[in-house]
Amino acid sequence: QVQVVESGGGLVQAGGSLRLSCAVSGSRFSINAMGWYRQAPGKQRDLVARITSGGNTNYADAVKGRFTISRDNAKNTVYLQMNSLKPEDTAIYYCCITIGNNYWGQGTQVTVSS
């Protein structure tokens, strides 16, 4: 059974940095796309960043130039380096990986204080 586990969230002041990690286990097949989404209170879940198996990336306009997504295929892990954080980045961040179907983690809270 595929398991997706996020870590690295927390409380940080505006302008600070955090690094999220998402470890995938239990898959017998190669992982295609890996991505990060976020959901703020009262809002829908939106894409933050995504990376394909070939290393192609795309980002939400709101995070371009501040966030960087990367993956370590040997470790089945995807990372999200978040710099210059803003209060509006506050949300629950979810990892989503695609192995045929989409698999989601439970989410990790990121809170940015002003």
PDB file of N, CA and C in Angstrom:
ATOM      1  N   GLN A   1       0.843  -1.185   0.000  1.00  0.00           N
ATOM      2  CA  GLN A   1       0.000   0.000   0.000  1.00  0.00           C
ATOM      3  C   GLN A   1       0.888   1.247   0.000  1.00  0.00           C
ATOM      4  N   VAL A   2       0.552   2.187  -0.877  1.00  0.00           N
ATOM      5  CA  VAL A   2       1.348   3.407  -0.988  1.00  0.00           C
ATOM      6  C   VAL A   2       1.079   4.315   0.212  1.00  0.00           C
ATOM      7  N   GLN A   3       2.155   4.798   0.797  1.00  0.00           N
ATOM      8  CA  GLN A   3       2.055   5.764   1.893  1.00  0.00           C
ATOM      9  C   GLN A   3       2.811   7.030   1.531  1.00  0.00           C
ATOM     10  N   VAL A   4       2.200   8.161   1.848  1.00  0.00           N
ATOM     11  CA  VAL A   4       2.776   9.467   1.556  1.00  0.00           C
ATOM     12  C   VAL A   4       2.817  10.247   2.860  1.00  0.00           C
ATOM     13  N   VAL A   5       4.004  10.628   3.287  1.00  0.00           N
ATOM     14  CA  VAL A   5       4.143  11.279   4.594  1.00  0.00           C
ATOM     15  C   VAL A   5       4.928  12.577   4.449  1.00  0.00           C
ATOM     16  N   GLU A   6       4.266  13.677   4.834  1.00  0.00           N
ATOM     17  CA  GLU A   6       4.918  14.985   4.784  1.00  0.00           C
ATOM     18  C   GLU A   6       5.564  15.321   6.122  1.00  0.00           C
ATOM     19  N   SER A   7       6.563  16.167   6.080  1.00  0.00           N
ATOM     20  CA  SER A   7       7.190  16.671   7.302  1.00  0.00           C
ATOM     21  C   SER A   7       7.819  18.024   7.003  1.00  0.00           C
ATOM     22  N   GLY A   8       8.141  18.746   8.068  1.00  0.00           N
ATOM     23  CA  GLY A   8       8.871  19.991   7.905  1.00  0.00           C
ATOM     24  C   GLY A   8       8.072  21.258   8.107  1.00  0.00           C
ATOM     25  N   GLY A   9       6.774  21.137   8.338  1.00  0.00           N
ATOM     26  CA  GLY A   9       5.983  22.335   8.563  1.00  0.00           C
ATOM     27  C   GLY A   9       6.297  22.955   9.911  1.00  0.00           C
ATOM     28  N   GLY A  10       5.702  24.122  10.165  1.00  0.00           N
ATOM     29  CA  GLY A  10       5.919  24.775  11.444  1.00  0.00           C
ATOM     30  C   GLY A  10       5.543  26.231  11.394  1.00  0.00           C
ATOM     31  N   LEU A  11       5.984  26.945  12.411  1.00  0.00           N
ATOM     32  CA  LEU A  11       5.724  28.374  12.552  1.00  0.00           C
ATOM     33  C   LEU A  11       7.004  29.144  12.243  1.00  0.00           C
ATOM     34  N   VAL A  12       6.878  30.150  11.389  1.00  0.00           N
ATOM     35  CA  VAL A  12       8.042  30.942  11.005  1.00  0.00           C
ATOM     36  C   VAL A  12       7.602  32.391  10.832  1.00  0.00           C
ATOM     37  N   GLN A  13       8.515  33.302  11.051  1.00  0.00           N
ATOM     38  CA  GLN A  13       8.207  34.711  10.842  1.00  0.00           C
ATOM     39  C   GLN A  13       8.279  35.055   9.360  1.00  0.00           C
ATOM     40  N   ALA A  14       7.577  36.073   8.985  1.00  0.00           N
ATOM     41  CA  ALA A  14       7.623  36.542   7.598  1.00  0.00           C
ATOM     42  C   ALA A  14       9.063  36.830   7.196  1.00  0.00           C
ATOM     43  N   GLY A  15       9.391  36.403   5.988  1.00  0.00           N
ATOM     44  CA  GLY A  15      10.760  36.541   5.502  1.00  0.00           C
ATOM     45  C   GLY A  15      11.628  35.335   5.757  1.00  0.00           C
ATOM     46  N   GLY A  16      11.140  34.423   6.570  1.00  0.00           N
ATOM     47  CA  GLY A  16      11.897  33.233   6.912  1.00  0.00           C
ATOM     48  C   GLY A  16      11.760  32.136   5.878  1.00  0.00           C
ATOM     49  N   SER A  17      12.336  30.985   6.208  1.00  0.00           N
ATOM     50  CA  SER A  17      12.357  29.852   5.294  1.00  0.00           C
ATOM     51  C   SER A  17      11.943  28.569   6.001  1.00  0.00           C
ATOM     52  N   LEU A  18      11.385  27.660   5.226  1.00  0.00           N
ATOM     53  CA  LEU A  18      11.085  26.309   5.677  1.00  0.00           C
ATOM     54  C   LEU A  18      11.348  25.354   4.527  1.00  0.00           C
ATOM     55  N   ARG A  19      11.640  24.119   4.883  1.00  0.00           N
ATOM     56  CA  ARG A  19      11.802  23.079   3.872  1.00  0.00           C
ATOM     57  C   ARG A  19      10.876  21.928   4.203  1.00  0.00           C
ATOM     58  N   LEU A  20       9.976  21.647   3.288  1.00  0.00           N
ATOM     59  CA  LEU A  20       9.059  20.528   3.449  1.00  0.00           C
ATOM     60  C   LEU A  20       9.626  19.299   2.743  1.00  0.00           C
ATOM     61  N   SER A  21       9.355  18.148   3.328  1.00  0.00           N
ATOM     62  CA  SER A  21       9.742  16.879   2.717  1.00  0.00           C
ATOM     63  C   SER A  21       8.528  15.977   2.611  1.00  0.00           C
ATOM     64  N   CYS A  22       8.548  15.133   1.612  1.00  0.00           N
ATOM     65  CA  CYS A  22       7.462  14.170   1.417  1.00  0.00           C
ATOM     66  C   CYS A  22       8.091  12.842   1.008  1.00  0.00           C
ATOM     67  N   ALA A  23       7.953  11.856   1.862  1.00  0.00           N
ATOM     68  CA  ALA A  23       8.525  10.546   1.605  1.00  0.00           C
ATOM     69  C   ALA A  23       7.431   9.577   1.185  1.00  0.00           C
ATOM     70  N   VAL A  24       7.719   8.816   0.137  1.00  0.00           N
ATOM     71  CA  VAL A  24       6.762   7.859  -0.410  1.00  0.00           C
ATOM     72  C   VAL A  24       7.289   6.449  -0.203  1.00  0.00           C
ATOM     73  N   SER A  25       6.426   5.562   0.268  1.00  0.00           N
ATOM     74  CA  SER A  25       6.825   4.175   0.453  1.00  0.00           C
ATOM     75  C   SER A  25       5.710   3.256  -0.006  1.00  0.00           C
ATOM     76  N   GLY A  26       6.074   2.003  -0.229  1.00  0.00           N
ATOM     77  CA  GLY A  26       5.079   1.001  -0.548  1.00  0.00           C
ATOM     78  C   GLY A  26       4.721   0.866  -2.012  1.00  0.00           C
ATOM     79  N   SER A  27       5.410   1.609  -2.891  1.00  0.00           N
ATOM     80  CA  SER A  27       5.080   1.537  -4.307  1.00  0.00           C
ATOM     81  C   SER A  27       5.994   0.551  -5.021  1.00  0.00           C
ATOM     82  N   ARG A  28       5.404  -0.286  -5.857  1.00  0.00           N
ATOM     83  CA  ARG A  28       6.197  -1.202  -6.664  1.00  0.00           C
ATOM     84  C   ARG A  28       6.529  -0.606  -8.021  1.00  0.00           C
ATOM     85  N   PHE A  29       5.948   0.547  -8.308  1.00  0.00           N
ATOM     86  CA  PHE A  29       6.127   1.166  -9.620  1.00  0.00           C
ATOM     87  C   PHE A  29       6.815   2.516  -9.478  1.00  0.00           C
ATOM     88  N   SER A  30       7.350   2.991 -10.586  1.00  0.00           N
ATOM     89  CA  SER A  30       8.014   4.296 -10.575  1.00  0.00           C
ATOM     90  C   SER A  30       6.983   5.403 -10.376  1.00  0.00           C
ATOM     91  N   ILE A  31       7.411   6.427  -9.672  1.00  0.00           N
ATOM     92  CA  ILE A  31       6.546   7.566  -9.416  1.00  0.00           C
ATOM     93  C   ILE A  31       6.619   8.518 -10.597  1.00  0.00           C
ATOM     94  N   ASN A  32       5.490   8.932 -11.068  1.00  0.00           N
ATOM     95  CA  ASN A  32       5.463   9.900 -12.154  1.00  0.00           C
ATOM     96  C   ASN A  32       5.614  11.300 -11.561  1.00  0.00           C
ATOM     97  N   ALA A  33       4.565  12.062 -11.548  1.00  0.00           N
ATOM     98  CA  ALA A  33       4.648  13.429 -11.034  1.00  0.00           C
ATOM     99  C   ALA A  33       4.580  13.448  -9.510  1.00  0.00           C
ATOM    100  N   MET A  34       5.225  14.447  -8.936  1.00  0.00           N
ATOM    101  CA  MET A  34       5.162  14.701  -7.493  1.00  0.00           C
ATOM    102  C   MET A  34       4.875  16.184  -7.317  1.00  0.00           C
ATOM    103  N   GLY A  35       3.987  16.488  -6.407  1.00  0.00           N
ATOM    104  CA  GLY A  35       3.618  17.882  -6.280  1.00  0.00           C
ATOM    105  C   GLY A  35       3.234  18.285  -4.871  1.00  0.00           C
ATOM    106  N   TRP A  36       3.183  19.580  -4.692  1.00  0.00           N
ATOM    107  CA  TRP A  36       2.740  20.184  -3.434  1.00  0.00           C
ATOM    108  C   TRP A  36       1.527  21.060  -3.704  1.00  0.00           C
ATOM    109  N   TYR A  37       0.538  20.920  -2.851  1.00  0.00           N
ATOM    110  CA  TYR A  37      -0.656  21.738  -2.902  1.00  0.00           C
ATOM    111  C   TYR A  37      -0.842  22.369  -1.528  1.00  0.00           C
ATOM    112  N   ARG A  38      -1.649  23.407  -1.477  1.00  0.00           N
ATOM    113  CA  ARG A  38      -1.928  24.003  -0.177  1.00  0.00           C
ATOM    114  C   ARG A  38      -3.384  24.450  -0.101  1.00  0.00           C
ATOM    115  N   GLN A  39      -3.865  24.449   1.135  1.00  0.00           N
ATOM    116  CA  GLN A  39      -5.239  24.850   1.380  1.00  0.00           C
ATOM    117  C   GLN A  39      -5.287  25.728   2.610  1.00  0.00           C
ATOM    118  N   ALA A  40      -5.689  26.964   2.406  1.00  0.00           N
ATOM    119  CA  ALA A  40      -5.864  27.903   3.509  1.00  0.00           C
ATOM    120  C   ALA A  40      -7.292  27.781   4.031  1.00  0.00           C
ATOM    121  N   PRO A  41      -7.542  28.213   5.256  1.00  0.00           N
ATOM    122  CA  PRO A  41      -8.894  28.111   5.818  1.00  0.00           C
ATOM    123  C   PRO A  41      -9.933  28.797   4.937  1.00  0.00           C
ATOM    124  N   GLY A  42     -10.989  28.080   4.623  1.00  0.00           N
ATOM    125  CA  GLY A  42     -12.071  28.637   3.822  1.00  0.00           C
ATOM    126  C   GLY A  42     -11.789  28.727   2.342  1.00  0.00           C
ATOM    127  N   LYS A  43     -10.659  28.195   1.912  1.00  0.00           N
ATOM    128  CA  LYS A  43     -10.300  28.276   0.496  1.00  0.00           C
ATOM    129  C   LYS A  43     -10.127  26.884  -0.087  1.00  0.00           C
ATOM    130  N   GLN A  44     -10.086  26.802  -1.406  1.00  0.00           N
ATOM    131  CA  GLN A  44      -9.894  25.519  -2.070  1.00  0.00           C
ATOM    132  C   GLN A  44      -8.421  25.133  -2.040  1.00  0.00           C
ATOM    133  N   ARG A  45      -8.190  23.869  -2.309  1.00  0.00           N
ATOM    134  CA  ARG A  45      -6.826  23.366  -2.376  1.00  0.00           C
ATOM    135  C   ARG A  45      -6.244  23.713  -3.746  1.00  0.00           C
ATOM    136  N   ASP A  46      -5.095  24.360  -3.753  1.00  0.00           N
ATOM    137  CA  ASP A  46      -4.480  24.814  -5.000  1.00  0.00           C
ATOM    138  C   ASP A  46      -3.081  24.253  -5.170  1.00  0.00           C
ATOM    139  N   LEU A  47      -2.685  24.103  -6.408  1.00  0.00           N
ATOM    140  CA  LEU A  47      -1.337  23.666  -6.726  1.00  0.00           C
ATOM    141  C   LEU A  47      -0.334  24.741  -6.322  1.00  0.00           C
ATOM    142  N   VAL A  48       0.753  24.301  -5.691  1.00  0.00           N
ATOM    143  CA  VAL A  48       1.873  25.187  -5.369  1.00  0.00           C
ATOM    144  C   VAL A  48       3.013  24.946  -6.355  1.00  0.00           C
ATOM    145  N   ALA A  49       3.401  23.690  -6.481  1.00  0.00           N
ATOM    146  CA  ALA A  49       4.516  23.343  -7.373  1.00  0.00           C
ATOM    147  C   ALA A  49       4.412  21.867  -7.722  1.00  0.00           C
ATOM    148  N   ARG A  50       4.941  21.539  -8.876  1.00  0.00           N
ATOM    149  CA  ARG A  50       4.863  20.165  -9.355  1.00  0.00           C
ATOM    150  C   ARG A  50       6.124  19.846 -10.139  1.00  0.00           C
ATOM    151  N   ILE A  51       6.567  18.594 -10.036  1.00  0.00           N
ATOM    152  CA  ILE A  51       7.757  18.168 -10.769  1.00  0.00           C
ATOM    153  C   ILE A  51       7.484  16.803 -11.385  1.00  0.00           C
ATOM    154  N   THR A  52       7.825  16.656 -12.643  1.00  0.00           N
ATOM    155  CA  THR A  52       7.598  15.393 -13.341  1.00  0.00           C
ATOM    156  C   THR A  52       8.771  14.442 -13.121  1.00  0.00           C
ATOM    157  N   SER A  53       8.611  13.227 -13.601  1.00  0.00           N
ATOM    158  CA  SER A  53       9.690  12.250 -13.478  1.00  0.00           C
ATOM    159  C   SER A  53      10.921  12.689 -14.251  1.00  0.00           C
ATOM    160  N   GLY A  54      10.718  13.499 -15.274  1.00  0.00           N
ATOM    161  CA  GLY A  54      11.841  14.000 -16.070  1.00  0.00           C
ATOM    162  C   GLY A  54      12.467  15.260 -15.524  1.00  0.00           C
ATOM    163  N   GLY A  55      11.902  15.778 -14.423  1.00  0.00           N
ATOM    164  CA  GLY A  55      12.472  16.957 -13.788  1.00  0.00           C
ATOM    165  C   GLY A  55      11.866  18.277 -14.222  1.00  0.00           C
ATOM    166  N   ASN A  56      10.852  18.229 -15.079  1.00  0.00           N
ATOM    167  CA  ASN A  56      10.184  19.476 -15.458  1.00  0.00           C
ATOM    168  C   ASN A  56       9.341  19.989 -14.292  1.00  0.00           C
ATOM    169  N   THR A  57       9.385  21.281 -14.099  1.00  0.00           N
ATOM    170  CA  THR A  57       8.680  21.875 -12.957  1.00  0.00           C
ATOM    171  C   THR A  57       7.702  22.952 -13.409  1.00  0.00           C
ATOM    172  N   ASN A  58       6.667  23.147 -12.593  1.00  0.00           N
ATOM    173  CA  ASN A  58       5.813  24.315 -12.772  1.00  0.00           C
ATOM    174  C   ASN A  58       5.368  24.794 -11.398  1.00  0.00           C
ATOM    175  N   TYR A  59       5.143  26.095 -11.316  1.00  0.00           N
ATOM    176  CA  TYR A  59       4.853  26.751 -10.048  1.00  0.00           C
ATOM    177  C   TYR A  59       3.632  27.644 -10.169  1.00  0.00           C
ATOM    178  N   ALA A  60       2.952  27.809  -9.058  1.00  0.00           N
ATOM    179  CA  ALA A  60       1.913  28.823  -8.993  1.00  0.00           C
ATOM    180  C   ALA A  60       2.576  30.194  -9.073  1.00  0.00           C
ATOM    181  N   ASP A  61       1.899  31.135  -9.703  1.00  0.00           N
ATOM    182  CA  ASP A  61       2.476  32.468  -9.855  1.00  0.00           C
ATOM    183  C   ASP A  61       2.844  33.086  -8.507  1.00  0.00           C
ATOM    184  N   ALA A  62       2.060  32.791  -7.488  1.00  0.00           N
ATOM    185  CA  ALA A  62       2.262  33.416  -6.179  1.00  0.00           C
ATOM    186  C   ALA A  62       3.566  33.002  -5.506  1.00  0.00           C
ATOM    187  N   VAL A  63       4.153  31.895  -5.950  1.00  0.00           N
ATOM    188  CA  VAL A  63       5.364  31.398  -5.283  1.00  0.00           C
ATOM    189  C   VAL A  63       6.591  31.402  -6.183  1.00  0.00           C
ATOM    190  N   LYS A  64       6.419  31.766  -7.432  1.00  0.00           N
ATOM    191  CA  LYS A  64       7.564  31.774  -8.356  1.00  0.00           C
ATOM    192  C   LYS A  64       8.666  32.686  -7.836  1.00  0.00           C
ATOM    193  N   GLY A  65       9.889  32.181  -7.888  1.00  0.00           N
ATOM    194  CA  GLY A  65      11.034  32.961  -7.415  1.00  0.00           C
ATOM    195  C   GLY A  65      11.291  32.831  -5.928  1.00  0.00           C
ATOM    196  N   ARG A  66      10.344  32.249  -5.190  1.00  0.00           N
ATOM    197  CA  ARG A  66      10.517  32.077  -3.741  1.00  0.00           C
ATOM    198  C   ARG A  66      10.581  30.602  -3.342  1.00  0.00           C
ATOM    199  N   PHE A  67       9.836  29.766  -4.020  1.00  0.00           N
ATOM    200  CA  PHE A  67       9.782  28.334  -3.687  1.00  0.00           C
ATOM    201  C   PHE A  67      10.509  27.529  -4.759  1.00  0.00           C
ATOM    202  N   THR A  68      11.115  26.435  -4.331  1.00  0.00           N
ATOM    203  CA  THR A  68      11.779  25.533  -5.259  1.00  0.00           C
ATOM    204  C   THR A  68      11.408  24.099  -4.924  1.00  0.00           C
ATOM    205  N   ILE A  69      10.920  23.383  -5.923  1.00  0.00           N
ATOM    206  CA  ILE A  69      10.590  21.979  -5.747  1.00  0.00           C
ATOM    207  C   ILE A  69      11.714  21.131  -6.323  1.00  0.00           C
ATOM    208  N   SER A  70      12.013  20.026  -5.651  1.00  0.00           N
ATOM    209  CA  SER A  70      13.035  19.102  -6.130  1.00  0.00           C
ATOM    210  C   SER A  70      12.661  17.699  -5.686  1.00  0.00           C
ATOM    211  N   ARG A  71      13.280  16.714  -6.297  1.00  0.00           N
ATOM    212  CA  ARG A  71      12.985  15.338  -5.931  1.00  0.00           C
ATOM    213  C   ARG A  71      14.248  14.499  -5.942  1.00  0.00           C
ATOM    214  N   ASP A  72      14.250  13.499  -5.085  1.00  0.00           N
ATOM    215  CA  ASP A  72      15.331  12.526  -5.021  1.00  0.00           C
ATOM    216  C   ASP A  72      14.700  11.182  -5.360  1.00  0.00           C
ATOM    217  N   ASN A  73      14.873  10.732  -6.575  1.00  0.00           N
ATOM    218  CA  ASN A  73      14.215   9.511  -7.023  1.00  0.00           C
ATOM    219  C   ASN A  73      14.729   8.282  -6.276  1.00  0.00           C
ATOM    220  N   ALA A  74      15.978   8.295  -5.892  1.00  0.00           N
ATOM    221  CA  ALA A  74      16.538   7.153  -5.163  1.00  0.00           C
ATOM    222  C   ALA A  74      15.870   6.989  -3.803  1.00  0.00           C
ATOM    223  N   LYS A  75      15.438   8.102  -3.226  1.00  0.00           N
ATOM    224  CA  LYS A  75      14.799   8.072  -1.909  1.00  0.00           C
ATOM    225  C   LYS A  75      13.277   8.184  -1.994  1.00  0.00           C
ATOM    226  N   ASN A  76      12.738   8.277  -3.209  1.00  0.00           N
ATOM    227  CA  ASN A  76      11.287   8.471  -3.380  1.00  0.00           C
ATOM    228  C   ASN A  76      10.793   9.635  -2.519  1.00  0.00           C
ATOM    229  N   THR A  77      11.504  10.723  -2.604  1.00  0.00           N
ATOM    230  CA  THR A  77      11.204  11.888  -1.764  1.00  0.00           C
ATOM    231  C   THR A  77      11.149  13.147  -2.617  1.00  0.00           C
ATOM    232  N   VAL A  78      10.205  14.005  -2.288  1.00  0.00           N
ATOM    233  CA  VAL A  78      10.104  15.299  -2.939  1.00  0.00           C
ATOM    234  C   VAL A  78      10.214  16.376  -1.866  1.00  0.00           C
ATOM    235  N   TYR A  79      10.838  17.475  -2.225  1.00  0.00           N
ATOM    236  CA  TYR A  79      11.086  18.565  -1.285  1.00  0.00           C
ATOM    237  C   TYR A  79      10.463  19.854  -1.799  1.00  0.00           C
ATOM    238  N   LEU A  80      10.173  20.743  -0.875  1.00  0.00           N
ATOM    239  CA  LEU A  80       9.742  22.080  -1.239  1.00  0.00           C
ATOM    240  C   LEU A  80      10.508  23.066  -0.358  1.00  0.00           C
ATOM    241  N   GLN A  81      11.455  23.765  -0.967  1.00  0.00           N
ATOM    242  CA  GLN A  81      12.193  24.795  -0.254  1.00  0.00           C
ATOM    243  C   GLN A  81      11.415  26.092  -0.393  1.00  0.00           C
ATOM    244  N   MET A  82      11.046  26.658   0.743  1.00  0.00           N
ATOM    245  CA  MET A  82      10.227  27.871   0.751  1.00  0.00           C
ATOM    246  C   MET A  82      11.011  29.006   1.398  1.00  0.00           C
ATOM    247  N   ASN A  83      11.304  30.016   0.615  1.00  0.00           N
ATOM    248  CA  ASN A  83      12.052  31.180   1.092  1.00  0.00           C
ATOM    249  C   ASN A  83      11.177  32.423   1.025  1.00  0.00           C
ATOM    250  N   SER A  84      11.609  33.449   1.724  1.00  0.00           N
ATOM    251  CA  SER A  84      10.877  34.731   1.730  1.00  0.00           C
ATOM    252  C   SER A  84       9.397  34.516   2.004  1.00  0.00           C
ATOM    253  N   LEU A  85       9.115  33.756   3.020  1.00  0.00           N
ATOM    254  CA  LEU A  85       7.733  33.409   3.317  1.00  0.00           C
ATOM    255  C   LEU A  85       6.915  34.627   3.717  1.00  0.00           C
ATOM    256  N   LYS A  86       5.647  34.594   3.340  1.00  0.00           N
ATOM    257  CA  LYS A  86       4.711  35.672   3.606  1.00  0.00           C
ATOM    258  C   LYS A  86       3.539  35.133   4.424  1.00  0.00           C
ATOM    259  N   PRO A  87       2.861  36.002   5.158  1.00  0.00           N
ATOM    260  CA  PRO A  87       1.689  35.523   5.916  1.00  0.00           C
ATOM    261  C   PRO A  87       0.654  34.830   5.031  1.00  0.00           C
ATOM    262  N   GLU A  88       0.534  35.258   3.794  1.00  0.00           N
ATOM    263  CA  GLU A  88      -0.435  34.629   2.893  1.00  0.00           C
ATOM    264  C   GLU A  88      -0.024  33.232   2.444  1.00  0.00           C
ATOM    265  N   ASP A  89       1.167  32.803   2.802  1.00  0.00           N
ATOM    266  CA  ASP A  89       1.579  31.418   2.526  1.00  0.00           C
ATOM    267  C   ASP A  89       1.058  30.457   3.603  1.00  0.00           C
ATOM    268  N   THR A  90       0.463  31.002   4.638  1.00  0.00           N
ATOM    269  CA  THR A  90      -0.077  30.169   5.705  1.00  0.00           C
ATOM    270  C   THR A  90      -1.162  29.245   5.170  1.00  0.00           C
ATOM    271  N   ALA A  91      -0.987  27.958   5.402  1.00  0.00           N
ATOM    272  CA  ALA A  91      -1.927  26.956   4.882  1.00  0.00           C
ATOM    273  C   ALA A  91      -1.481  25.577   5.354  1.00  0.00           C
ATOM    274  N   ILE A  92      -2.328  24.609   5.084  1.00  0.00           N
ATOM    275  CA  ILE A  92      -1.902  23.220   5.198  1.00  0.00           C
ATOM    276  C   ILE A  92      -1.345  22.810   3.839  1.00  0.00           C
ATOM    277  N   TYR A  93      -0.159  22.269   3.855  1.00  0.00           N
ATOM    278  CA  TYR A  93       0.513  21.872   2.625  1.00  0.00           C
ATOM    279  C   TYR A  93       0.414  20.357   2.472  1.00  0.00           C
ATOM    280  N   TYR A  94      -0.063  19.949   1.307  1.00  0.00           N
ATOM    281  CA  TYR A  94      -0.263  18.537   1.018  1.00  0.00           C
ATOM    282  C   TYR A  94       0.665  18.087  -0.107  1.00  0.00           C
ATOM    283  N   CYS A  95       1.176  16.898   0.058  1.00  0.00           N
ATOM    284  CA  CYS A  95       1.970  16.265  -0.995  1.00  0.00           C
ATOM    285  C   CYS A  95       1.056  15.348  -1.791  1.00  0.00           C
ATOM    286  N   CYS A  96       1.221  15.361  -3.090  1.00  0.00           N
ATOM    287  CA  CYS A  96       0.447  14.491  -3.973  1.00  0.00           C
ATOM    288  C   CYS A  96       1.394  13.832  -4.961  1.00  0.00           C
ATOM    289  N   ILE A  97       1.347  12.522  -5.041  1.00  0.00           N
ATOM    290  CA  ILE A  97       2.190  11.818  -6.000  1.00  0.00           C
ATOM    291  C   ILE A  97       1.323  10.987  -6.934  1.00  0.00           C
ATOM    292  N   THR A  98       1.785  10.801  -8.134  1.00  0.00           N
ATOM    293  CA  THR A  98       1.037  10.093  -9.163  1.00  0.00           C
ATOM    294  C   THR A  98       1.761   8.811  -9.540  1.00  0.00           C
ATOM    295  N   ILE A  99       1.069   7.710  -9.286  1.00  0.00           N
ATOM    296  CA  ILE A  99       1.537   6.399  -9.738  1.00  0.00           C
ATOM    297  C   ILE A  99       0.308   5.757 -10.369  1.00  0.00           C
ATOM    298  N   GLY A 100       0.005   6.197 -11.568  1.00  0.00           N
ATOM    299  CA  GLY A 100      -1.284   5.806 -12.141  1.00  0.00           C
ATOM    300  C   GLY A 100      -2.364   6.664 -11.488  1.00  0.00           C
ATOM    301  N   ASN A 101      -2.709   6.328 -10.292  1.00  0.00           N
ATOM    302  CA  ASN A 101      -3.630   7.145  -9.505  1.00  0.00           C
ATOM    303  C   ASN A 101      -2.857   8.211  -8.716  1.00  0.00           C
ATOM    304  N   ASN A 102      -3.625   9.128  -8.118  1.00  0.00           N
ATOM    305  CA  ASN A 102      -3.028  10.125  -7.234  1.00  0.00           C
ATOM    306  C   ASN A 102      -3.122   9.670  -5.789  1.00  0.00           C
ATOM    307  N   TYR A 103      -2.048   9.876  -5.068  1.00  0.00           N
ATOM    308  CA  TYR A 103      -2.004   9.544  -3.644  1.00  0.00           C
ATOM    309  C   TYR A 103      -1.631  10.804  -2.873  1.00  0.00           C
ATOM    310  N   TRP A 104      -2.363  11.045  -1.785  1.00  0.00           N
ATOM    311  CA  TRP A 104      -2.187  12.261  -0.995  1.00  0.00           C
ATOM    312  C   TRP A 104      -1.675  11.934   0.395  1.00  0.00           C
ATOM    313  N   GLY A 105      -0.865  12.863   0.913  1.00  0.00           N
ATOM    314  CA  GLY A 105      -0.479  12.785   2.300  1.00  0.00           C
ATOM    315  C   GLY A 105      -1.525  13.439   3.186  1.00  0.00           C
ATOM    316  N   GLN A 106      -1.269  13.416   4.487  1.00  0.00           N
ATOM    317  CA  GLN A 106      -2.210  13.966   5.451  1.00  0.00           C
ATOM    318  C   GLN A 106      -2.070  15.472   5.604  1.00  0.00           C
ATOM    319  N   GLY A 107      -0.980  16.033   5.132  1.00  0.00           N
ATOM    320  CA  GLY A 107      -0.782  17.471   5.207  1.00  0.00           C
ATOM    321  C   GLY A 107       0.099  17.876   6.372  1.00  0.00           C
ATOM    322  N   THR A 108       0.746  19.028   6.195  1.00  0.00           N
ATOM    323  CA  THR A 108       1.572  19.597   7.248  1.00  0.00           C
ATOM    324  C   THR A 108       1.280  21.103   7.322  1.00  0.00           C
ATOM    325  N   GLN A 109       1.106  21.593   8.517  1.00  0.00           N
ATOM    326  CA  GLN A 109       0.715  22.989   8.706  1.00  0.00           C
ATOM    327  C   GLN A 109       1.925  23.907   8.582  1.00  0.00           C
ATOM    328  N   VAL A 110       1.754  24.951   7.795  1.00  0.00           N
ATOM    329  CA  VAL A 110       2.751  26.019   7.694  1.00  0.00           C
ATOM    330  C   VAL A 110       2.067  27.319   8.126  1.00  0.00           C
ATOM    331  N   THR A 111       2.642  27.961   9.121  1.00  0.00           N
ATOM    332  CA  THR A 111       2.091  29.217   9.615  1.00  0.00           C
ATOM    333  C   THR A 111       3.173  30.283   9.566  1.00  0.00           C
ATOM    334  N   VAL A 112       2.866  31.381   8.885  1.00  0.00           N
ATOM    335  CA  VAL A 112       3.816  32.478   8.743  1.00  0.00           C
ATOM    336  C   VAL A 112       3.253  33.692   9.480  1.00  0.00           C
ATOM    337  N   SER A 113       3.960  34.131  10.491  1.00  0.00           N
ATOM    338  CA  SER A 113       3.500  35.273  11.286  1.00  0.00           C
ATOM    339  C   SER A 113       4.068  36.573  10.732  1.00  0.00           C
ATOM    340  N   SER A 114       3.289  37.636  10.891  1.00  0.00           N
ATOM    341  CA  SER A 114       3.729  38.933  10.354  1.00  0.00           C
ATOM    342  C   SER A 114       4.527  39.715  11.378  1.00  0.00           C
TER     343      SER A 114
END
